[in-house]
Amino acid sequence: MKSKAYKKNFLIITFIIILCHIALLSSGIFHVPLTKLFLMDGLLFLLFLASTLIIAPGLDKASDNFVNRFLLLTTLQLLTMMITILSLSLIKMNHFKAIGYHLLVLFLSLLSVQAFLLVRQIKKS
């Protein structure tokens, strides 16, 4: 039951954060190509959706292995993000620095929300 509550809360918050980011980008404050940033937002949403589907079933089981699962999940997310930024650098994308900063800020905010919700969910049990 804990896994369903976590999935629902985290996916709603993730969706809201990404929608706020898209609204901020659409306002014209930043002068970067929006299509590339929308693609990166979609990639981040898929990354965190997959991570939610991986870790959520473990919340209903014994919490002995939670720390191992959490560290593995965080490491895989970080590696995926760094490989994405490295590949953007290697293809010499225009506005690479701005897109990289947007990705990192959004990634760190989603990661901190994920960690907060996971710790709160574990403390409830």
PDB file of N, CA and C in Angstrom:
ATOM      1  N   MET A   1       0.822  -1.196   0.000  1.00  0.00           N
ATOM      2  CA  MET A   1       0.000   0.000   0.000  1.00  0.00           C
ATOM      3  C   MET A   1       0.869   1.265   0.000  1.00  0.00           C
ATOM      4  N   LYS A   2       2.030   1.178   0.674  1.00  0.00           N
ATOM      5  CA  LYS A   2       2.921   2.341   0.708  1.00  0.00           C
ATOM      6  C   LYS A   2       3.423   2.680  -0.684  1.00  0.00           C
ATOM      7  N   SER A   3       3.623   1.656  -1.497  1.00  0.00           N
ATOM      8  CA  SER A   3       4.173   1.905  -2.828  1.00  0.00           C
ATOM      9  C   SER A   3       3.185   2.686  -3.696  1.00  0.00           C
ATOM     10  N   LYS A   4       1.902   2.404  -3.575  1.00  0.00           N
ATOM     11  CA  LYS A   4       0.911   3.139  -4.375  1.00  0.00           C
ATOM     12  C   LYS A   4       0.851   4.602  -3.964  1.00  0.00           C
ATOM     13  N   ALA A   5       0.898   4.859  -2.671  1.00  0.00           N
ATOM     14  CA  ALA A   5       0.868   6.246  -2.195  1.00  0.00           C
ATOM     15  C   ALA A   5       2.119   6.989  -2.646  1.00  0.00           C
ATOM     16  N   TYR A   6       3.283   6.333  -2.561  1.00  0.00           N
ATOM     17  CA  TYR A   6       4.527   6.966  -2.994  1.00  0.00           C
ATOM     18  C   TYR A   6       4.486   7.265  -4.490  1.00  0.00           C
ATOM     19  N   LYS A   7       4.067   6.280  -5.288  1.00  0.00           N
ATOM     20  CA  LYS A   7       4.016   6.473  -6.739  1.00  0.00           C
ATOM     21  C   LYS A   7       3.110   7.645  -7.096  1.00  0.00           C
ATOM     22  N   LYS A   8       1.941   7.685  -6.493  1.00  0.00           N
ATOM     23  CA  LYS A   8       0.983   8.747  -6.802  1.00  0.00           C
ATOM     24  C   LYS A   8       1.550  10.110  -6.419  1.00  0.00           C
ATOM     25  N   ASN A   9       2.057  10.229  -5.193  1.00  0.00           N
ATOM     26  CA  ASN A   9       2.594  11.516  -4.733  1.00  0.00           C
ATOM     27  C   ASN A   9       3.778  11.966  -5.578  1.00  0.00           C
ATOM     28  N   PHE A  10       4.709  11.066  -5.826  1.00  0.00           N
ATOM     29  CA  PHE A  10       5.917  11.456  -6.531  1.00  0.00           C
ATOM     30  C   PHE A  10       5.626  11.805  -7.988  1.00  0.00           C
ATOM     31  N   LEU A  11       4.780  11.032  -8.646  1.00  0.00           N
ATOM     32  CA  LEU A  11       4.497  11.326 -10.048  1.00  0.00           C
ATOM     33  C   LEU A  11       3.725  12.631 -10.203  1.00  0.00           C
ATOM     34  N   ILE A  12       2.832  12.921  -9.274  1.00  0.00           N
ATOM     35  CA  ILE A  12       2.112  14.194  -9.330  1.00  0.00           C
ATOM     36  C   ILE A  12       3.079  15.361  -9.125  1.00  0.00           C
ATOM     37  N   ILE A  13       3.955  15.253  -8.129  1.00  0.00           N
ATOM     38  CA  ILE A  13       4.917  16.332  -7.865  1.00  0.00           C
ATOM     39  C   ILE A  13       5.887  16.485  -9.035  1.00  0.00           C
ATOM     40  N   THR A  14       6.353  15.377  -9.593  1.00  0.00           N
ATOM     41  CA  THR A  14       7.260  15.428 -10.735  1.00  0.00           C
ATOM     42  C   THR A  14       6.595  16.113 -11.924  1.00  0.00           C
ATOM     43  N   PHE A  15       5.363  15.739 -12.183  1.00  0.00           N
ATOM     44  CA  PHE A  15       4.622  16.337 -13.289  1.00  0.00           C
ATOM     45  C   PHE A  15       4.441  17.840 -13.075  1.00  0.00           C
ATOM     46  N   ILE A  16       4.134  18.248 -11.860  1.00  0.00           N
ATOM     47  CA  ILE A  16       3.949  19.675 -11.556  1.00  0.00           C
ATOM     48  C   ILE A  16       5.261  20.439 -11.727  1.00  0.00           C
ATOM     49  N   ILE A  17       6.367  19.878 -11.241  1.00  0.00           N
ATOM     50  CA  ILE A  17       7.664  20.552 -11.369  1.00  0.00           C
ATOM     51  C   ILE A  17       8.038  20.719 -12.835  1.00  0.00           C
ATOM     52  N   ILE A  18       7.841  19.677 -13.624  1.00  0.00           N
ATOM     53  CA  ILE A  18       8.194  19.764 -15.040  1.00  0.00           C
ATOM     54  C   ILE A  18       7.264  20.726 -15.772  1.00  0.00           C
ATOM     55  N   LEU A  19       5.985  20.741 -15.427  1.00  0.00           N
ATOM     56  CA  LEU A  19       5.071  21.699 -16.043  1.00  0.00           C
ATOM     57  C   LEU A  19       5.444  23.137 -15.689  1.00  0.00           C
ATOM     58  N   CYS A  20       5.852  23.358 -14.448  1.00  0.00           N
ATOM     59  CA  CYS A  20       6.310  24.701 -14.050  1.00  0.00           C
ATOM     60  C   CYS A  20       7.558  25.095 -14.831  1.00  0.00           C
ATOM     61  N   HIS A  21       8.454  24.156 -15.043  1.00  0.00           N
ATOM     62  CA  HIS A  21       9.663  24.425 -15.822  1.00  0.00           C
ATOM     63  C   HIS A  21       9.296  24.769 -17.266  1.00  0.00           C
ATOM     64  N   ILE A  22       8.369  24.023 -17.843  1.00  0.00           N
ATOM     65  CA  ILE A  22       7.940  24.295 -19.212  1.00  0.00           C
ATOM     66  C   ILE A  22       7.256  25.663 -19.303  1.00  0.00           C
ATOM     67  N   ALA A  23       6.442  25.990 -18.313  1.00  0.00           N
ATOM     68  CA  ALA A  23       5.787  27.308 -18.307  1.00  0.00           C
ATOM     69  C   ALA A  23       6.817  28.424 -18.188  1.00  0.00           C
ATOM     70  N   LEU A  24       7.826  28.214 -17.363  1.00  0.00           N
ATOM     71  CA  LEU A  24       8.888  29.213 -17.219  1.00  0.00           C
ATOM     72  C   LEU A  24       9.655  29.375 -18.521  1.00  0.00           C
ATOM     73  N   LEU A  25       9.920  28.274 -19.205  1.00  0.00           N
ATOM     74  CA  LEU A  25      10.626  28.350 -20.484  1.00  0.00           C
ATOM     75  C   LEU A  25       9.769  29.023 -21.552  1.00  0.00           C
ATOM     76  N   SER A  26       8.490  28.725 -21.546  1.00  0.00           N
ATOM     77  CA  SER A  26       7.590  29.288 -22.558  1.00  0.00           C
ATOM     78  C   SER A  26       7.371  30.789 -22.380  1.00  0.00           C
ATOM     79  N   SER A  27       7.666  31.293 -21.178  1.00  0.00           N
ATOM     80  CA  SER A  27       7.468  32.722 -20.933  1.00  0.00           C
ATOM     81  C   SER A  27       8.473  33.589 -21.689  1.00  0.00           C
ATOM     82  N   GLY A  28       9.547  32.988 -22.171  1.00  0.00           N
ATOM     83  CA  GLY A  28      10.517  33.734 -22.960  1.00  0.00           C
ATOM     84  C   GLY A  28      11.636  34.362 -22.152  1.00  0.00           C
ATOM     85  N   ILE A  29      11.762  34.007 -20.888  1.00  0.00           N
ATOM     86  CA  ILE A  29      12.830  34.564 -20.048  1.00  0.00           C
ATOM     87  C   ILE A  29      14.191  34.084 -20.532  1.00  0.00           C
ATOM     88  N   PHE A  30      14.267  32.817 -20.889  1.00  0.00           N
ATOM     89  CA  PHE A  30      15.530  32.229 -21.321  1.00  0.00           C
ATOM     90  C   PHE A  30      15.566  32.174 -22.844  1.00  0.00           C
ATOM     91  N   HIS A  31      16.723  32.433 -23.398  1.00  0.00           N
ATOM     92  CA  HIS A  31      16.875  32.435 -24.851  1.00  0.00           C
ATOM     93  C   HIS A  31      17.599  31.171 -25.278  1.00  0.00           C
ATOM     94  N   VAL A  32      16.897  30.071 -25.151  1.00  0.00           N
ATOM     95  CA  VAL A  32      17.421  28.777 -25.576  1.00  0.00           C
ATOM     96  C   VAL A  32      16.358  28.095 -26.423  1.00  0.00           C
ATOM     97  N   PRO A  33      16.768  27.136 -27.269  1.00  0.00           N
ATOM     98  CA  PRO A  33      15.782  26.437 -28.104  1.00  0.00           C
ATOM     99  C   PRO A  33      14.816  25.612 -27.242  1.00  0.00           C
ATOM    100  N   LEU A  34      13.547  25.935 -27.325  1.00  0.00           N
ATOM    101  CA  LEU A  34      12.557  25.285 -26.474  1.00  0.00           C
ATOM    102  C   LEU A  34      12.358  23.816 -26.818  1.00  0.00           C
ATOM    103  N   THR A  35      12.459  23.469 -28.090  1.00  0.00           N
ATOM    104  CA  THR A  35      12.209  22.075 -28.461  1.00  0.00           C
ATOM    105  C   THR A  35      13.223  21.138 -27.822  1.00  0.00           C
ATOM    106  N   LYS A  36      14.466  21.574 -27.742  1.00  0.00           N
ATOM    107  CA  LYS A  36      15.490  20.729 -27.115  1.00  0.00           C
ATOM    108  C   LYS A  36      15.265  20.612 -25.613  1.00  0.00           C
ATOM    109  N   LEU A  37      14.846  21.702 -24.989  1.00  0.00           N
ATOM    110  CA  LEU A  37      14.574  21.642 -23.555  1.00  0.00           C
ATOM    111  C   LEU A  37      13.329  20.817 -23.252  1.00  0.00           C
ATOM    112  N   PHE A  38      12.327  20.888 -24.115  1.00  0.00           N
ATOM    113  CA  PHE A  38      11.139  20.054 -23.924  1.00  0.00           C
ATOM    114  C   PHE A  38      11.508  18.573 -24.055  1.00  0.00           C
ATOM    115  N   LEU A  39      12.404  18.274 -24.978  1.00  0.00           N
ATOM    116  CA  LEU A  39      12.878  16.903 -25.142  1.00  0.00           C
ATOM    117  C   LEU A  39      13.630  16.441 -23.890  1.00  0.00           C
ATOM    118  N   MET A  40      14.449  17.317 -23.334  1.00  0.00           N
ATOM    119  CA  MET A  40      15.190  16.976 -22.119  1.00  0.00           C
ATOM    120  C   MET A  40      14.243  16.828 -20.916  1.00  0.00           C
ATOM    121  N   ASP A  41      13.207  17.659 -20.854  1.00  0.00           N
ATOM    122  CA  ASP A  41      12.207  17.511 -19.785  1.00  0.00           C
ATOM    123  C   ASP A  41      11.502  16.167 -19.893  1.00  0.00           C
ATOM    124  N   GLY A  42      11.189  15.768 -21.115  1.00  0.00           N
ATOM    125  CA  GLY A  42      10.574  14.451 -21.327  1.00  0.00           C
ATOM    126  C   GLY A  42      11.501  13.329 -20.912  1.00  0.00           C
ATOM    127  N   LEU A  43      12.791  13.488 -21.212  1.00  0.00           N
ATOM    128  CA  LEU A  43      13.775  12.481 -20.799  1.00  0.00           C
ATOM    129  C   LEU A  43      13.846  12.379 -19.278  1.00  0.00           C
ATOM    130  N   LEU A  44      13.852  13.525 -18.604  1.00  0.00           N
ATOM    131  CA  LEU A  44      13.878  13.506 -17.140  1.00  0.00           C
ATOM    132  C   LEU A  44      12.618  12.869 -16.564  1.00  0.00           C
ATOM    133  N   PHE A  45      11.470  13.181 -17.147  1.00  0.00           N
ATOM    134  CA  PHE A  45      10.237  12.577 -16.665  1.00  0.00           C
ATOM    135  C   PHE A  45      10.275  11.063 -16.831  1.00  0.00           C
ATOM    136  N   LEU A  46      10.752  10.585 -17.976  1.00  0.00           N
ATOM    137  CA  LEU A  46      10.854   9.139 -18.190  1.00  0.00           C
ATOM    138  C   LEU A  46      11.859   8.494 -17.239  1.00  0.00           C
ATOM    139  N   LEU A  47      12.966   9.189 -16.973  1.00  0.00           N
ATOM    140  CA  LEU A  47      13.964   8.669 -16.042  1.00  0.00           C
ATOM    141  C   LEU A  47      13.378   8.502 -14.647  1.00  0.00           C
ATOM    142  N   PHE A  48      12.678   9.508 -14.177  1.00  0.00           N
ATOM    143  CA  PHE A  48      12.111   9.427 -12.835  1.00  0.00           C
ATOM    144  C   PHE A  48      10.878   8.523 -12.787  1.00  0.00           C
ATOM    145  N   LEU A  49      10.163   8.393 -13.889  1.00  0.00           N
ATOM    146  CA  LEU A  49       9.059   7.435 -13.941  1.00  0.00           C
ATOM    147  C   LEU A  49       9.599   6.015 -13.825  1.00  0.00           C
ATOM    148  N   ALA A  50      10.654   5.714 -14.576  1.00  0.00           N
ATOM    149  CA  ALA A  50      11.263   4.384 -14.497  1.00  0.00           C
ATOM    150  C   ALA A  50      11.822   4.116 -13.105  1.00  0.00           C
ATOM    151  N   SER A  51      12.446   5.122 -12.508  1.00  0.00           N
ATOM    152  CA  SER A  51      13.007   4.916 -11.172  1.00  0.00           C
ATOM    153  C   SER A  51      11.917   4.701 -10.135  1.00  0.00           C
ATOM    154  N   THR A  52      10.777   5.355 -10.320  1.00  0.00           N
ATOM    155  CA  THR A  52       9.657   5.149  -9.410  1.00  0.00           C
ATOM    156  C   THR A  52       9.123   3.727  -9.536  1.00  0.00           C
ATOM    157  N   LEU A  53       9.042   3.250 -10.761  1.00  0.00           N
ATOM    158  CA  LEU A  53       8.557   1.893 -10.970  1.00  0.00           C
ATOM    159  C   LEU A  53       9.541   0.851 -10.447  1.00  0.00           C
ATOM    160  N   ILE A  54      10.811   1.212 -10.347  1.00  0.00           N
ATOM    161  CA  ILE A  54      11.817   0.276  -9.831  1.00  0.00           C
ATOM    162  C   ILE A  54      11.806   0.229  -8.310  1.00  0.00           C
ATOM    163  N   ILE A  55      11.754   1.372  -7.660  1.00  0.00           N
ATOM    164  CA  ILE A  55      11.915   1.384  -6.201  1.00  0.00           C
ATOM    165  C   ILE A  55      10.604   1.230  -5.440  1.00  0.00           C
ATOM    166  N   ALA A  56       9.491   1.607  -6.024  1.00  0.00           N
ATOM    167  CA  ALA A  56       8.218   1.579  -5.297  1.00  0.00           C
ATOM    168  C   ALA A  56       7.812   0.184  -4.821  1.00  0.00           C
ATOM    169  N   PRO A  57       7.961  -0.868  -5.609  1.00  0.00           N
ATOM    170  CA  PRO A  57       7.562  -2.185  -5.090  1.00  0.00           C
ATOM    171  C   PRO A  57       8.359  -2.621  -3.861  1.00  0.00           C
ATOM    172  N   GLY A  58       9.572  -2.121  -3.703  1.00  0.00           N
ATOM    173  CA  GLY A  58      10.389  -2.464  -2.545  1.00  0.00           C
ATOM    174  C   GLY A  58       9.931  -1.795  -1.260  1.00  0.00           C
ATOM    175  N   LEU A  59       9.073  -0.793  -1.359  1.00  0.00           N
ATOM    176  CA  LEU A  59       8.593  -0.102  -0.160  1.00  0.00           C
ATOM    177  C   LEU A  59       7.640  -0.978   0.648  1.00  0.00           C
ATOM    178  N   ASP A  60       6.961  -1.903  -0.018  1.00  0.00           N
ATOM    179  CA  ASP A  60       6.024  -2.773   0.677  1.00  0.00           C
ATOM    180  C   ASP A  60       6.720  -3.954   1.359  1.00  0.00           C
ATOM    181  N   LYS A  61       7.976  -4.178   1.015  1.00  0.00           N
ATOM    182  CA  LYS A  61       8.736  -5.288   1.601  1.00  0.00           C
ATOM    183  C   LYS A  61       9.493  -4.808   2.827  1.00  0.00           C
ATOM    184  N   ALA A  62      10.278  -5.694   3.388  1.00  0.00           N
ATOM    185  CA  ALA A  62      11.081  -5.342   4.568  1.00  0.00           C
ATOM    186  C   ALA A  62      12.040  -4.210   4.209  1.00  0.00           C
ATOM    187  N   SER A  63      12.247  -3.315   5.152  1.00  0.00           N
ATOM    188  CA  SER A  63      13.069  -2.132   4.879  1.00  0.00           C
ATOM    189  C   SER A  63      14.560  -2.378   5.112  1.00  0.00           C
ATOM    190  N   ASP A  64      14.954  -3.624   5.253  1.00  0.00           N
ATOM    191  CA  ASP A  64      16.372  -3.935   5.479  1.00  0.00           C
ATOM    192  C   ASP A  64      17.236  -3.539   4.288  1.00  0.00           C
ATOM    193  N   ASN A  65      16.741  -3.749   3.101  1.00  0.00           N
ATOM    194  CA  ASN A  65      17.529  -3.471   1.903  1.00  0.00           C
ATOM    195  C   ASN A  65      17.215  -2.118   1.283  1.00  0.00           C
ATOM    196  N   PHE A  66      16.458  -1.295   1.979  1.00  0.00           N
ATOM    197  CA  PHE A  66      16.057  -0.017   1.405  1.00  0.00           C
ATOM    198  C   PHE A  66      17.252   0.862   1.077  1.00  0.00           C
ATOM    199  N   VAL A  67      18.220   0.914   1.972  1.00  0.00           N
ATOM    200  CA  VAL A  67      19.385   1.779   1.745  1.00  0.00           C
ATOM    201  C   VAL A  67      20.143   1.338   0.507  1.00  0.00           C
ATOM    202  N   ASN A  68      20.302   0.038   0.330  1.00  0.00           N
ATOM    203  CA  ASN A  68      20.996  -0.459  -0.862  1.00  0.00           C
ATOM    204  C   ASN A  68      20.233  -0.116  -2.135  1.00  0.00           C
ATOM    205  N   ARG A  69      18.933  -0.318  -2.123  1.00  0.00           N
ATOM    206  CA  ARG A  69      18.119   0.004  -3.300  1.00  0.00           C
ATOM    207  C   ARG A  69      18.151   1.504  -3.587  1.00  0.00           C
ATOM    208  N   PHE A  70      18.084   2.314  -2.541  1.00  0.00           N
ATOM    209  CA  PHE A  70      18.091   3.764  -2.715  1.00  0.00           C
ATOM    210  C   PHE A  70      19.427   4.237  -3.295  1.00  0.00           C
ATOM    211  N   LEU A  71      20.530   3.728  -2.775  1.00  0.00           N
ATOM    212  CA  LEU A  71      21.844   4.123  -3.299  1.00  0.00           C
ATOM    213  C   LEU A  71      22.037   3.662  -4.737  1.00  0.00           C
ATOM    214  N   LEU A  72      21.591   2.466  -5.046  1.00  0.00           N
ATOM    215  CA  LEU A  72      21.699   1.962  -6.411  1.00  0.00           C
ATOM    216  C   LEU A  72      20.860   2.806  -7.366  1.00  0.00           C
ATOM    217  N   LEU A  73      19.657   3.126  -6.950  1.00  0.00           N
ATOM    218  CA  LEU A  73      18.774   3.938  -7.777  1.00  0.00           C
ATOM    219  C   LEU A  73      19.356   5.328  -8.009  1.00  0.00           C
ATOM    220  N   THR A  74      19.829   5.959  -6.961  1.00  0.00           N
ATOM    221  CA  THR A  74      20.394   7.304  -7.089  1.00  0.00           C
ATOM    222  C   THR A  74      21.633   7.298  -7.975  1.00  0.00           C
ATOM    223  N   THR A  75      22.458   6.281  -7.830  1.00  0.00           N
ATOM    224  CA  THR A  75      23.653   6.171  -8.659  1.00  0.00           C
ATOM    225  C   THR A  75      23.296   5.990 -10.128  1.00  0.00           C
ATOM    226  N   LEU A  76      22.328   5.142 -10.409  1.00  0.00           N
ATOM    227  CA  LEU A  76      21.918   4.935 -11.796  1.00  0.00           C
ATOM    228  C   LEU A  76      21.306   6.202 -12.400  1.00  0.00           C
ATOM    229  N   GLN A  77      20.534   6.931 -11.602  1.00  0.00           N
ATOM    230  CA  GLN A  77      19.968   8.179 -12.099  1.00  0.00           C
ATOM    231  C   GLN A  77      21.061   9.199 -12.399  1.00  0.00           C
ATOM    232  N   LEU A  78      22.014   9.307 -11.491  1.00  0.00           N
ATOM    233  CA  LEU A  78      23.107  10.257 -11.684  1.00  0.00           C
ATOM    234  C   LEU A  78      23.954   9.890 -12.897  1.00  0.00           C
ATOM    235  N   LEU A  79      24.254   8.611 -13.060  1.00  0.00           N
ATOM    236  CA  LEU A  79      25.030   8.178 -14.228  1.00  0.00           C
ATOM    237  C   LEU A  79      24.267   8.458 -15.526  1.00  0.00           C
ATOM    238  N   THR A  80      22.982   8.205 -15.528  1.00  0.00           N
ATOM    239  CA  THR A  80      22.178   8.484 -16.716  1.00  0.00           C
ATOM    240  C   THR A  80      22.217   9.969 -17.056  1.00  0.00           C
ATOM    241  N   MET A  81      22.105  10.803 -16.042  1.00  0.00           N
ATOM    242  CA  MET A  81      22.122  12.250 -16.274  1.00  0.00           C
ATOM    243  C   MET A  81      23.498  12.707 -16.770  1.00  0.00           C
ATOM    244  N   MET A  82      24.550  12.202 -16.179  1.00  0.00           N
ATOM    245  CA  MET A  82      25.887  12.611 -16.613  1.00  0.00           C
ATOM    246  C   MET A  82      26.188  12.122 -18.032  1.00  0.00           C
ATOM    247  N   ILE A  83      25.724  10.927 -18.387  1.00  0.00           N
ATOM    248  CA  ILE A  83      25.913  10.427 -19.754  1.00  0.00           C
ATOM    249  C   ILE A  83      25.124  11.285 -20.736  1.00  0.00           C
ATOM    250  N   THR A  84      23.940  11.714 -20.353  1.00  0.00           N
ATOM    251  CA  THR A  84      23.140  12.588 -21.211  1.00  0.00           C
ATOM    252  C   THR A  84      23.851  13.910 -21.446  1.00  0.00           C
ATOM    253  N   ILE A  85      24.354  14.506 -20.387  1.00  0.00           N
ATOM    254  CA  ILE A  85      25.055  15.792 -20.526  1.00  0.00           C
ATOM    255  C   ILE A  85      26.352  15.618 -21.319  1.00  0.00           C
ATOM    256  N   LEU A  86      27.051  14.515 -21.101  1.00  0.00           N
ATOM    257  CA  LEU A  86      28.269  14.243 -21.872  1.00  0.00           C
ATOM    258  C   LEU A  86      27.946  14.083 -23.352  1.00  0.00           C
ATOM    259  N   SER A  87      26.875  13.376 -23.662  1.00  0.00           N
ATOM    260  CA  SER A  87      26.519  13.195 -25.076  1.00  0.00           C
ATOM    261  C   SER A  87      26.110  14.513 -25.717  1.00  0.00           C
ATOM    262  N   LEU A  88      25.435  15.386 -24.959  1.00  0.00           N
ATOM    263  CA  LEU A  88      25.110  16.713 -25.494  1.00  0.00           C
ATOM    264  C   LEU A  88      26.381  17.509 -25.775  1.00  0.00           C
ATOM    265  N   SER A  89      27.358  17.339 -24.923  1.00  0.00           N
ATOM    266  CA  SER A  89      28.628  18.033 -25.112  1.00  0.00           C
ATOM    267  C   SER A  89      29.371  17.498 -26.337  1.00  0.00           C
ATOM    268  N   LEU A  90      29.338  16.197 -26.503  1.00  0.00           N
ATOM    269  CA  LEU A  90      30.077  15.593 -27.615  1.00  0.00           C
ATOM    270  C   LEU A  90      29.475  15.925 -28.973  1.00  0.00           C
ATOM    271  N   ILE A  91      28.169  16.098 -29.037  1.00  0.00           N
ATOM    272  CA  ILE A  91      27.566  16.450 -30.322  1.00  0.00           C
ATOM    273  C   ILE A  91      27.592  17.959 -30.561  1.00  0.00           C
ATOM    274  N   LYS A  92      28.176  18.682 -29.605  1.00  0.00           N
ATOM    275  CA  LYS A  92      28.358  20.134 -29.717  1.00  0.00           C
ATOM    276  C   LYS A  92      27.041  20.852 -30.006  1.00  0.00           C
ATOM    277  N   MET A  93      26.074  20.587 -29.147  1.00  0.00           N
ATOM    278  CA  MET A  93      24.759  21.201 -29.277  1.00  0.00           C
ATOM    279  C   MET A  93      24.855  22.705 -28.997  1.00  0.00           C
ATOM    280  N   ASN A  94      24.093  23.482 -29.756  1.00  0.00           N
ATOM    281  CA  ASN A  94      24.031  24.925 -29.506  1.00  0.00           C
ATOM    282  C   ASN A  94      23.427  25.171 -28.132  1.00  0.00           C
ATOM    283  N   HIS A  95      23.896  26.181 -27.445  1.00  0.00           N
ATOM    284  CA  HIS A  95      23.412  26.550 -26.112  1.00  0.00           C
ATOM    285  C   HIS A  95      23.604  25.405 -25.119  1.00  0.00           C
ATOM    286  N   PHE A  96      24.689  24.675 -25.265  1.00  0.00           N
ATOM    287  CA  PHE A  96      24.934  23.507 -24.417  1.00  0.00           C
ATOM    288  C   PHE A  96      24.970  23.872 -22.935  1.00  0.00           C
ATOM    289  N   LYS A  97      25.649  24.957 -22.600  1.00  0.00           N
ATOM    290  CA  LYS A  97      25.775  25.326 -21.186  1.00  0.00           C
ATOM    291  C   LYS A  97      24.414  25.641 -20.572  1.00  0.00           C
ATOM    292  N   ALA A  98      23.602  26.406 -21.257  1.00  0.00           N
ATOM    293  CA  ALA A  98      22.280  26.758 -20.726  1.00  0.00           C
ATOM    294  C   ALA A  98      21.405  25.518 -20.567  1.00  0.00           C
ATOM    295  N   ILE A  99      21.421  24.645 -21.564  1.00  0.00           N
ATOM    296  CA  ILE A  99      20.629  23.418 -21.480  1.00  0.00           C
ATOM    297  C   ILE A  99      21.149  22.526 -20.363  1.00  0.00           C
ATOM    298  N   GLY A 100      22.461  22.441 -20.231  1.00  0.00           N
ATOM    299  CA  GLY A 100      23.053  21.651 -19.145  1.00  0.00           C
ATOM    300  C   GLY A 100      22.674  22.173 -17.772  1.00  0.00           C
ATOM    301  N   TYR A 101      22.688  23.482 -17.605  1.00  0.00           N
ATOM    302  CA  TYR A 101      22.286  24.065 -16.311  1.00  0.00           C
ATOM    303  C   TYR A 101      20.813  23.792 -16.014  1.00  0.00           C
ATOM    304  N   HIS A 102      19.984  23.940 -17.018  1.00  0.00           N
ATOM    305  CA  HIS A 102      18.559  23.649 -16.822  1.00  0.00           C
ATOM    306  C   HIS A 102      18.359  22.191 -16.411  1.00  0.00           C
ATOM    307  N   LEU A 103      19.052  21.301 -17.105  1.00  0.00           N
ATOM    308  CA  LEU A 103      18.930  19.881 -16.782  1.00  0.00           C
ATOM    309  C   LEU A 103      19.393  19.578 -15.359  1.00  0.00           C
ATOM    310  N   LEU A 104      20.516  20.145 -14.980  1.00  0.00           N
ATOM    311  CA  LEU A 104      21.042  19.865 -13.644  1.00  0.00           C
ATOM    312  C   LEU A 104      20.151  20.422 -12.538  1.00  0.00           C
ATOM    313  N   VAL A 105      19.640  21.627 -12.733  1.00  0.00           N
ATOM    314  CA  VAL A 105      18.769  22.215 -11.713  1.00  0.00           C
ATOM    315  C   VAL A 105      17.479  21.408 -11.589  1.00  0.00           C
ATOM    316  N   LEU A 106      16.907  21.049 -12.718  1.00  0.00           N
ATOM    317  CA  LEU A 106      15.678  20.256 -12.689  1.00  0.00           C
ATOM    318  C   LEU A 106      15.939  18.871 -12.112  1.00  0.00           C
ATOM    319  N   PHE A 107      17.056  18.255 -12.490  1.00  0.00           N
ATOM    320  CA  PHE A 107      17.411  16.933 -11.972  1.00  0.00           C
ATOM    321  C   PHE A 107      17.604  16.969 -10.459  1.00  0.00           C
ATOM    322  N   LEU A 108      18.345  17.953  -9.976  1.00  0.00           N
ATOM    323  CA  LEU A 108      18.587  18.033  -8.531  1.00  0.00           C
ATOM    324  C   LEU A 108      17.309  18.304  -7.747  1.00  0.00           C
ATOM    325  N   SER A 109      16.419  19.114  -8.309  1.00  0.00           N
ATOM    326  CA  SER A 109      15.157  19.357  -7.607  1.00  0.00           C
ATOM    327  C   SER A 109      14.305  18.092  -7.570  1.00  0.00           C
ATOM    328  N   LEU A 110      14.241  17.358  -8.673  1.00  0.00           N
ATOM    329  CA  LEU A 110      13.475  16.112  -8.683  1.00  0.00           C
ATOM    330  C   LEU A 110      14.108  15.058  -7.781  1.00  0.00           C
ATOM    331  N   LEU A 111      15.429  15.005  -7.752  1.00  0.00           N
ATOM    332  CA  LEU A 111      16.113  14.036  -6.895  1.00  0.00           C
ATOM    333  C   LEU A 111      15.893  14.341  -5.424  1.00  0.00           C
ATOM    334  N   SER A 112      15.901  15.606  -5.058  1.00  0.00           N
ATOM    335  CA  SER A 112      15.665  15.952  -3.655  1.00  0.00           C
ATOM    336  C   SER A 112      14.215  15.683  -3.253  1.00  0.00           C
ATOM    337  N   VAL A 113      13.272  15.921  -4.145  1.00  0.00           N
ATOM    338  CA  VAL A 113      11.875  15.577  -3.847  1.00  0.00           C
ATOM    339  C   VAL A 113      11.725  14.074  -3.698  1.00  0.00           C
ATOM    340  N   GLN A 114      12.373  13.327  -4.573  1.00  0.00           N
ATOM    341  CA  GLN A 114      12.313  11.866  -4.495  1.00  0.00           C
ATOM    342  C   GLN A 114      12.892  11.369  -3.177  1.00  0.00           C
ATOM    343  N   ALA A 115      14.048  11.876  -2.786  1.00  0.00           N
ATOM    344  CA  ALA A 115      14.673  11.449  -1.536  1.00  0.00           C
ATOM    345  C   ALA A 115      13.798  11.806  -0.339  1.00  0.00           C
ATOM    346  N   PHE A 116      13.230  13.007  -0.351  1.00  0.00           N
ATOM    347  CA  PHE A 116      12.370  13.431   0.750  1.00  0.00           C
ATOM    348  C   PHE A 116      11.157  12.515   0.877  1.00  0.00           C
ATOM    349  N   LEU A 117      10.499  12.235  -0.241  1.00  0.00           N
ATOM    350  CA  LEU A 117       9.315  11.379  -0.189  1.00  0.00           C
ATOM    351  C   LEU A 117       9.646   9.952   0.223  1.00  0.00           C
ATOM    352  N   LEU A 118      10.784   9.438  -0.251  1.00  0.00           N
ATOM    353  CA  LEU A 118      11.167   8.081   0.136  1.00  0.00           C
ATOM    354  C   LEU A 118      11.484   7.981   1.623  1.00  0.00           C
ATOM    355  N   VAL A 119      12.215   8.943   2.133  1.00  0.00           N
ATOM    356  CA  VAL A 119      12.553   8.927   3.565  1.00  0.00           C
ATOM    357  C   VAL A 119      11.299   9.095   4.409  1.00  0.00           C
ATOM    358  N   ARG A 120      10.416   9.984   3.989  1.00  0.00           N
ATOM    359  CA  ARG A 120       9.155  10.172   4.723  1.00  0.00           C
ATOM    360  C   ARG A 120       8.314   8.903   4.704  1.00  0.00           C
ATOM    361  N   GLN A 121       8.293   8.216   3.576  1.00  0.00           N
ATOM    362  CA  GLN A 121       7.517   6.991   3.474  1.00  0.00           C
ATOM    363  C   GLN A 121       8.097   5.880   4.358  1.00  0.00           C
ATOM    364  N   ILE A 122       9.412   5.801   4.445  1.00  0.00           N
ATOM    365  CA  ILE A 122      10.050   4.781   5.263  1.00  0.00           C
ATOM    366  C   ILE A 122       9.845   5.095   6.745  1.00  0.00           C
ATOM    367  N   LYS A 123       9.899   6.365   7.119  1.00  0.00           N
ATOM    368  CA  LYS A 123       9.712   6.729   8.526  1.00  0.00           C
ATOM    369  C   LYS A 123       8.292   6.470   8.999  1.00  0.00           C
ATOM    370  N   LYS A 124       7.324   6.472   8.084  1.00  0.00           N
ATOM    371  CA  LYS A 124       5.945   6.188   8.462  1.00  0.00           C
ATOM    372  C   LYS A 124       5.785   4.747   8.922  1.00  0.00           C
ATOM    373  N   SER A 125       6.594   3.855   8.375  1.00  0.00           N
ATOM    374  CA  SER A 125       6.441   2.440   8.719  1.00  0.00           C
ATOM    375  C   SER A 125       7.192   2.061   9.963  1.00  0.00           C
TER     376      SER A 125
END
